[in-house]
Structure formats: structure tokens, C-alpha cells
């Protein structure tokens, strides 16, 4: 009878501690979609989500869009959004970045860069080359 009680107690304690072990694992998921047409236009979207052992979830989305017109001008836009959400701390941060580059048929390049953290612009730049 004592052996049965000991086995039941051991099984119960293992069943109660198993969820604690499950929280110590990390998860990672990534998905990419790419579309291209015969004119040279290109779109790519990558979504990545990671949850670490502490429960912090980090997600990132990156979109690349390249458009080519009949005059040879190329517009390239890269947008990223990264969200870091620590478990239970109510202090999620969101960073959005937009980079554009327009290559004109004459070889000049116009570029912009903008970074927004939690709704506030922290970097903004326009450059002509």
C-alpha cells in the first residue's frame, strides 16, 4: 500500500511541475511571401515571431516594394515594424522604420529614412545623391 501511495504522490508532483518546464521553451515562426512581375516590380513580405523562455514576444514584419516605371525610374521602399512585448509588464515597445530610395533614369538617387518609436519620430532624413 505504501508503494502505491508513493507512486501516486510522485505522479501528482510530476504532473504539477510539467507545466513549469513547458514555460522554459522558446518558439520561433517565420513566413516569407515574394511576388515579382515581368516589368521588374517586386514585393516581398517577411513576418517573424519569437517568444523566449521568459515569455517576451518579439515580432517583426518587413515589407520590400520595388517599382519600375517605363522611363527607367526605380522606387524602392523598405518598411519594418518591430514589436517587443515582455510578458505581463505592460511595457510593449513598437519601432517602425521606413527607408525609400528613388533611382532616376539620369542616375541620381533620392532617399529618405524615418524611424518612429512608440508613435514619436526619432530620426528623419532626406538625401539627394
N, C-alpha and C. Protein backbone atom coordinates (compact mmCIF):
# COMPACT_ATOMS: atom_id res chain seq x y z
N UNK A 1 0.81 -1.19 0.00
CA UNK A 1 0.00 0.00 0.00
C UNK A 1 0.86 1.26 0.00
N UNK A 2 1.98 1.23 0.73
CA UNK A 2 2.86 2.37 0.78
C UNK A 2 3.48 2.67 -0.58
N UNK A 3 3.79 1.63 -1.33
CA UNK A 3 4.37 1.82 -2.65
C UNK A 3 3.37 2.51 -3.58
N UNK A 4 2.11 2.12 -3.48
CA UNK A 4 1.08 2.73 -4.32
C UNK A 4 0.91 4.22 -3.98
N UNK A 5 0.90 4.54 -2.71
CA UNK A 5 0.77 5.94 -2.28
C UNK A 5 1.97 6.75 -2.73
N UNK A 6 3.16 6.16 -2.65
CA UNK A 6 4.38 6.83 -3.08
C UNK A 6 4.37 7.08 -4.58
N UNK A 7 3.91 6.08 -5.35
CA UNK A 7 3.82 6.25 -6.80
C UNK A 7 2.81 7.32 -7.18
N UNK A 8 1.67 7.34 -6.50
CA UNK A 8 0.65 8.36 -6.77
C UNK A 8 1.15 9.75 -6.43
N UNK A 9 1.84 9.88 -5.32
CA UNK A 9 2.39 11.18 -4.91
C UNK A 9 3.45 11.65 -5.92
N UNK A 10 4.29 10.72 -6.38
CA UNK A 10 5.32 11.06 -7.37
C UNK A 10 4.68 11.49 -8.69
N UNK A 11 3.66 10.76 -9.12
CA UNK A 11 2.98 11.10 -10.37
C UNK A 11 2.29 12.45 -10.26
N UNK A 12 1.68 12.75 -9.12
CA UNK A 12 1.00 14.03 -8.92
C UNK A 12 2.00 15.19 -8.94
N UNK A 13 3.14 15.00 -8.27
CA UNK A 13 4.13 16.08 -8.26
C UNK A 13 4.72 16.30 -9.64
N UNK A 14 4.90 15.25 -10.41
CA UNK A 14 5.41 15.38 -11.78
C UNK A 14 4.38 16.07 -12.66
N UNK A 15 3.12 15.75 -12.49
CA UNK A 15 2.06 16.38 -13.28
C UNK A 15 1.95 17.86 -12.96
N UNK A 16 2.18 18.25 -11.73
CA UNK A 16 2.11 19.66 -11.35
C UNK A 16 3.32 20.46 -11.80
N UNK A 17 4.48 19.82 -11.90
CA UNK A 17 5.68 20.54 -12.31
C UNK A 17 5.88 20.54 -13.82
N UNK A 18 5.20 19.71 -14.55
CA UNK A 18 5.37 19.66 -16.01
C UNK A 18 5.03 20.98 -16.69
N UNK A 19 3.96 21.69 -16.29
CA UNK A 19 3.71 22.99 -16.92
C UNK A 19 4.84 23.99 -16.69
N UNK A 20 5.53 23.91 -15.58
CA UNK A 20 6.65 24.81 -15.33
C UNK A 20 7.78 24.55 -16.32
N UNK A 21 7.99 23.31 -16.69
CA UNK A 21 9.02 23.01 -17.68
C UNK A 21 8.60 23.50 -19.07
N UNK A 22 7.33 23.45 -19.37
CA UNK A 22 6.83 23.87 -20.68
C UNK A 22 7.07 25.36 -20.91
N UNK A 23 7.06 26.17 -19.86
CA UNK A 23 7.26 27.61 -19.99
C UNK A 23 8.70 27.96 -20.32
N UNK A 24 9.62 27.05 -20.13
CA UNK A 24 11.03 27.32 -20.36
C UNK A 24 11.45 27.13 -21.81
N UNK A 25 10.53 26.88 -22.71
CA UNK A 25 10.92 26.66 -24.10
C UNK A 25 10.73 27.94 -24.91
N UNK A 26 11.46 28.04 -26.00
CA UNK A 26 11.35 29.16 -26.91
C UNK A 26 10.63 28.71 -28.17
N UNK A 27 9.90 29.64 -28.77
CA UNK A 27 9.24 29.34 -30.04
C UNK A 27 9.67 30.36 -31.08
N UNK A 28 9.66 29.95 -32.32
CA UNK A 28 10.10 30.81 -33.42
C UNK A 28 9.28 30.46 -34.65
N UNK A 29 8.75 31.47 -35.33
CA UNK A 29 7.99 31.25 -36.55
C UNK A 29 8.34 32.35 -37.54
N UNK A 30 8.57 31.96 -38.79
CA UNK A 30 8.90 32.93 -39.83
C UNK A 30 8.19 32.53 -41.12
N UNK A 31 7.70 33.54 -41.83
CA UNK A 31 6.99 33.30 -43.08
C UNK A 31 7.36 34.41 -44.06
N UNK A 32 7.68 34.03 -45.30
CA UNK A 32 8.05 34.99 -46.34
C UNK A 32 7.20 34.76 -47.58
N UNK A 33 6.75 35.87 -48.16
CA UNK A 33 5.98 35.81 -49.40
C UNK A 33 6.63 36.77 -50.39
N UNK A 34 6.93 36.29 -51.61
CA UNK A 34 7.59 37.10 -52.63
C UNK A 34 6.77 37.05 -53.91
N UNK A 35 6.57 38.23 -54.51
CA UNK A 35 5.88 38.32 -55.80
C UNK A 35 6.72 39.20 -56.72
N UNK A 36 6.85 38.79 -57.98
CA UNK A 36 7.61 39.56 -58.96
C UNK A 36 6.88 39.47 -60.29
N UNK A 37 6.86 40.58 -61.04
CA UNK A 37 6.21 40.55 -62.35
C UNK A 37 7.24 40.77 -63.45
N UNK A 38 6.79 40.69 -64.70
CA UNK A 38 7.70 40.77 -65.85
C UNK A 38 8.27 42.17 -66.06
N UNK A 39 7.68 43.20 -65.47
CA UNK A 39 8.16 44.58 -65.63
C UNK A 39 9.31 44.90 -64.67
N UNK A 40 9.58 44.00 -63.73
CA UNK A 40 10.63 44.24 -62.75
C UNK A 40 10.11 44.67 -61.40
N UNK A 41 8.80 44.80 -61.27
CA UNK A 41 8.21 45.14 -59.97
C UNK A 41 8.34 43.94 -59.04
N UNK A 42 8.54 44.23 -57.76
CA UNK A 42 8.88 43.17 -56.80
C UNK A 42 8.26 43.52 -55.46
N UNK A 43 7.66 42.55 -54.80
CA UNK A 43 7.16 42.72 -53.45
C UNK A 43 7.56 41.52 -52.61
N UNK A 44 8.05 41.80 -51.43
CA UNK A 44 8.41 40.73 -50.50
C UNK A 44 7.93 41.13 -49.12
N UNK A 45 7.39 40.16 -48.39
CA UNK A 45 6.92 40.41 -47.03
C UNK A 45 7.38 39.26 -46.15
N UNK A 46 8.04 39.61 -45.07
CA UNK A 46 8.51 38.61 -44.11
C UNK A 46 7.95 38.94 -42.74
N UNK A 47 7.34 37.93 -42.12
CA UNK A 47 6.83 38.07 -40.77
C UNK A 47 7.53 37.05 -39.88
N UNK A 48 8.05 37.53 -38.77
CA UNK A 48 8.77 36.67 -37.84
C UNK A 48 8.24 36.92 -36.43
N UNK A 49 8.02 35.83 -35.70
CA UNK A 49 7.58 35.94 -34.31
C UNK A 49 8.42 35.00 -33.46
N UNK A 50 8.89 35.52 -32.34
CA UNK A 50 9.71 34.73 -31.43
C UNK A 50 9.23 34.98 -30.00
N UNK A 51 9.12 33.91 -29.23
CA UNK A 51 8.83 34.02 -27.82
C UNK A 51 9.96 33.32 -27.07
N UNK A 52 10.60 34.06 -26.16
CA UNK A 52 11.73 33.47 -25.44
C UNK A 52 11.25 32.77 -24.17
N UNK A 53 12.18 32.19 -23.44
CA UNK A 53 11.85 31.40 -22.26
C UNK A 53 11.19 32.24 -21.17
N UNK A 54 11.48 33.54 -21.13
CA UNK A 54 10.89 34.42 -20.12
C UNK A 54 9.49 34.88 -20.50
N UNK A 55 9.05 34.56 -21.73
CA UNK A 55 7.72 34.94 -22.16
C UNK A 55 7.66 36.22 -22.97
N UNK A 56 8.82 36.81 -23.27
CA UNK A 56 8.85 38.03 -24.08
C UNK A 56 8.62 37.65 -25.54
N UNK A 57 7.64 38.29 -26.15
CA UNK A 57 7.33 38.05 -27.55
C UNK A 57 7.88 39.19 -28.39
N UNK A 58 8.64 38.84 -29.40
CA UNK A 58 9.19 39.80 -30.34
C UNK A 58 8.67 39.45 -31.72
N UNK A 59 8.00 40.41 -32.35
CA UNK A 59 7.51 40.17 -33.70
C UNK A 59 8.07 41.24 -34.63
N UNK A 60 8.38 40.82 -35.85
CA UNK A 60 8.93 41.74 -36.82
C UNK A 60 8.27 41.48 -38.16
N UNK A 61 7.92 42.56 -38.82
CA UNK A 61 7.36 42.48 -40.16
C UNK A 61 8.19 43.39 -41.05
N UNK A 62 8.61 42.85 -42.18
CA UNK A 62 9.43 43.62 -43.12
C UNK A 62 8.79 43.51 -44.50
N UNK A 63 8.55 44.66 -45.12
CA UNK A 63 7.98 44.71 -46.46
C UNK A 63 8.95 45.43 -47.38
N UNK A 64 9.24 44.81 -48.51
CA UNK A 64 10.09 45.42 -49.54
C UNK A 64 9.23 45.56 -50.79
N UNK A 65 9.22 46.76 -51.35
CA UNK A 65 8.43 47.03 -52.54
C UNK A 65 9.31 47.77 -53.54
N UNK A 66 9.49 47.19 -54.72
CA UNK A 66 10.30 47.81 -55.78
C UNK A 66 9.40 47.98 -57.00
N UNK A 67 9.31 49.24 -57.45
CA UNK A 67 8.50 49.57 -58.62
C UNK A 67 9.39 50.19 -59.70
N UNK A 68 9.22 49.70 -60.92
CA UNK A 68 9.97 50.21 -62.07
C UNK A 68 8.98 50.79 -63.06
N UNK A 69 9.22 52.06 -63.51
CA UNK A 69 8.31 52.62 -64.50
C UNK A 69 8.92 52.55 -65.90
N UNK A 70 8.17 52.97 -66.88
CA UNK A 70 8.60 52.85 -68.28
C UNK A 70 9.79 53.74 -68.62
N UNK A 71 10.08 54.76 -67.81
CA UNK A 71 11.21 55.66 -68.05
C UNK A 71 12.51 55.15 -67.42
N UNK A 72 12.43 54.06 -66.69
CA UNK A 72 13.62 53.50 -66.05
C UNK A 72 13.82 53.95 -64.62
N UNK A 73 12.89 54.70 -64.07
CA UNK A 73 12.97 55.12 -62.67
C UNK A 73 12.62 53.92 -61.77
N UNK A 74 13.38 53.76 -60.70
CA UNK A 74 13.16 52.64 -59.78
C UNK A 74 12.88 53.20 -58.39
N UNK A 75 11.73 52.85 -57.84
CA UNK A 75 11.37 53.24 -56.47
C UNK A 75 11.48 52.01 -55.58
N UNK A 76 12.28 52.13 -54.52
CA UNK A 76 12.44 51.02 -53.58
C UNK A 76 12.02 51.51 -52.20
N UNK A 77 11.12 50.77 -51.57
CA UNK A 77 10.65 51.11 -50.23
C UNK A 77 10.80 49.89 -49.33
N UNK A 78 11.41 50.10 -48.18
CA UNK A 78 11.56 49.04 -47.18
C UNK A 78 10.92 49.55 -45.89
N UNK A 79 9.90 48.84 -45.43
CA UNK A 79 9.22 49.19 -44.18
C UNK A 79 9.40 48.04 -43.20
N UNK A 80 9.81 48.37 -41.98
CA UNK A 80 9.92 47.36 -40.93
C UNK A 80 9.14 47.83 -39.72
N UNK A 81 8.59 46.86 -39.03
CA UNK A 81 7.91 47.14 -37.77
C UNK A 81 8.31 46.05 -36.79
N UNK A 82 8.86 46.46 -35.66
CA UNK A 82 9.28 45.51 -34.64
C UNK A 82 8.53 45.84 -33.35
N UNK A 83 7.91 44.81 -32.77
CA UNK A 83 7.17 44.96 -31.52
C UNK A 83 7.79 44.01 -30.51
N UNK A 84 8.18 44.55 -29.36
CA UNK A 84 8.72 43.75 -28.25
C UNK A 84 7.74 43.87 -27.10
N UNK A 85 7.22 42.73 -26.65
CA UNK A 85 6.19 42.71 -25.62
C UNK A 85 6.60 41.75 -24.50
N UNK A 86 7.27 42.28 -23.45
CA UNK A 86 7.62 41.43 -22.31
C UNK A 86 6.35 40.94 -21.61
N UNK A 87 6.38 39.70 -21.18
CA UNK A 87 5.21 39.07 -20.57
C UNK A 87 4.81 39.80 -19.29
N UNK A 88 3.57 40.28 -19.26
CA UNK A 88 2.98 40.82 -18.04
C UNK A 88 3.52 42.14 -17.55
N UNK A 89 4.38 42.81 -18.27
CA UNK A 89 4.98 44.03 -17.75
C UNK A 89 4.30 45.31 -18.24
N UNK A 90 3.38 45.19 -19.19
CA UNK A 90 2.66 46.34 -19.74
C UNK A 90 3.61 47.42 -20.30
N UNK A 91 4.71 47.00 -20.88
CA UNK A 91 5.65 47.96 -21.45
C UNK A 91 6.07 47.55 -22.87
N UNK A 92 5.07 47.33 -23.70
CA UNK A 92 5.32 46.96 -25.10
C UNK A 92 5.95 48.15 -25.81
N UNK A 93 6.94 47.86 -26.67
CA UNK A 93 7.55 48.91 -27.49
C UNK A 93 7.35 48.56 -28.96
N UNK A 94 7.15 49.61 -29.76
CA UNK A 94 6.94 49.44 -31.19
C UNK A 94 7.87 50.39 -31.93
N UNK A 95 8.66 49.83 -32.86
CA UNK A 95 9.58 50.63 -33.66
C UNK A 95 9.23 50.42 -35.13
N UNK A 96 8.92 51.53 -35.82
CA UNK A 96 8.63 51.47 -37.26
C UNK A 96 9.72 52.24 -38.00
N UNK A 97 10.24 51.63 -39.06
CA UNK A 97 11.26 52.25 -39.87
C UNK A 97 10.84 52.20 -41.33
N UNK A 98 10.99 53.32 -42.03
CA UNK A 98 10.69 53.38 -43.45
C UNK A 98 11.89 53.97 -44.16
N UNK A 99 12.41 53.24 -45.13
CA UNK A 99 13.51 53.70 -45.97
C UNK A 99 13.05 53.67 -47.41
N UNK A 100 13.26 54.77 -48.13
CA UNK A 100 12.92 54.81 -49.55
C UNK A 100 14.12 55.28 -50.34
N UNK A 101 14.23 54.78 -51.55
CA UNK A 101 15.27 55.23 -52.48
C UNK A 101 14.67 55.24 -53.87
N UNK A 102 14.77 56.41 -54.53
CA UNK A 102 14.29 56.54 -55.90
C UNK A 102 15.50 56.76 -56.78
N UNK A 103 15.74 55.80 -57.67
CA UNK A 103 16.83 55.92 -58.63
C UNK A 103 16.22 56.42 -59.93
N UNK A 104 16.61 57.63 -60.31
CA UNK A 104 16.08 58.24 -61.52
C UNK A 104 16.83 57.74 -62.74
N UNK A 105 16.22 57.90 -63.91
CA UNK A 105 16.83 57.43 -65.16
C UNK A 105 18.17 58.10 -65.42
N UNK A 106 18.38 59.32 -64.90
CA UNK A 106 19.66 60.02 -65.11
C UNK A 106 20.74 59.59 -64.12
N UNK A 107 20.41 58.65 -63.24
CA UNK A 107 21.41 58.11 -62.30
C UNK A 107 21.39 58.74 -60.93
N UNK A 108 20.63 59.80 -60.72
CA UNK A 108 20.56 60.42 -59.40
C UNK A 108 19.66 59.58 -58.48
N UNK A 109 19.93 59.68 -57.19
CA UNK A 109 19.17 58.91 -56.21
C UNK A 109 18.64 59.85 -55.14
N UNK A 110 17.36 59.76 -54.87
CA UNK A 110 16.74 60.49 -53.77
C UNK A 110 16.37 59.46 -52.71
N UNK A 111 16.78 59.69 -51.46
CA UNK A 111 16.48 58.71 -50.42
C UNK A 111 15.93 59.40 -49.17
N UNK A 112 15.12 58.65 -48.43
CA UNK A 112 14.58 59.13 -47.16
C UNK A 112 14.70 58.02 -46.13
N UNK A 113 14.77 58.43 -44.89
CA UNK A 113 14.82 57.49 -43.77
C UNK A 113 13.98 58.08 -42.66
N UNK A 114 13.10 57.26 -42.07
CA UNK A 114 12.28 57.71 -40.96
C UNK A 114 12.14 56.58 -39.96
N UNK A 115 12.36 56.91 -38.69
CA UNK A 115 12.23 55.93 -37.61
C UNK A 115 11.29 56.50 -36.56
N UNK A 116 10.25 55.70 -36.21
CA UNK A 116 9.26 56.11 -35.23
C UNK A 116 9.26 55.08 -34.10
N UNK A 117 9.45 55.56 -32.87
CA UNK A 117 9.45 54.68 -31.70
C UNK A 117 8.25 55.05 -30.84
N UNK A 118 7.36 54.09 -30.64
CA UNK A 118 6.15 54.29 -29.83
C UNK A 118 5.39 55.56 -30.23
N UNK A 119 5.27 55.80 -31.54
CA UNK A 119 4.50 56.92 -32.05
C UNK A 119 5.24 58.23 -32.17
N UNK A 120 6.49 58.29 -31.73
CA UNK A 120 7.26 59.54 -31.81
C UNK A 120 8.40 59.37 -32.81
N UNK A 121 8.51 60.32 -33.74
CA UNK A 121 9.58 60.29 -34.74
C UNK A 121 10.90 60.62 -34.05
N UNK A 122 11.88 59.70 -34.16
CA UNK A 122 13.18 59.92 -33.54
C UNK A 122 14.28 60.17 -34.57
N UNK A 123 14.04 59.76 -35.81
CA UNK A 123 15.00 60.01 -36.90
C UNK A 123 14.22 60.33 -38.16
N UNK A 124 14.68 61.33 -38.90
CA UNK A 124 14.08 61.64 -40.19
C UNK A 124 15.14 62.33 -41.03
N UNK A 125 15.35 61.81 -42.24
CA UNK A 125 16.43 62.30 -43.07
C UNK A 125 16.04 62.18 -44.54
N UNK A 126 16.38 63.22 -45.33
CA UNK A 126 16.19 63.20 -46.78
C UNK A 126 17.51 63.55 -47.42
N UNK A 127 17.91 62.72 -48.41
CA UNK A 127 19.21 62.92 -49.06
C UNK A 127 19.05 62.82 -50.57
N UNK A 128 19.71 63.71 -51.29
CA UNK A 128 19.77 63.64 -52.76
C UNK A 128 21.21 63.36 -53.15
N UNK A 129 21.41 62.36 -53.99
CA UNK A 129 22.76 61.99 -54.42
C UNK A 129 22.92 62.34 -55.88
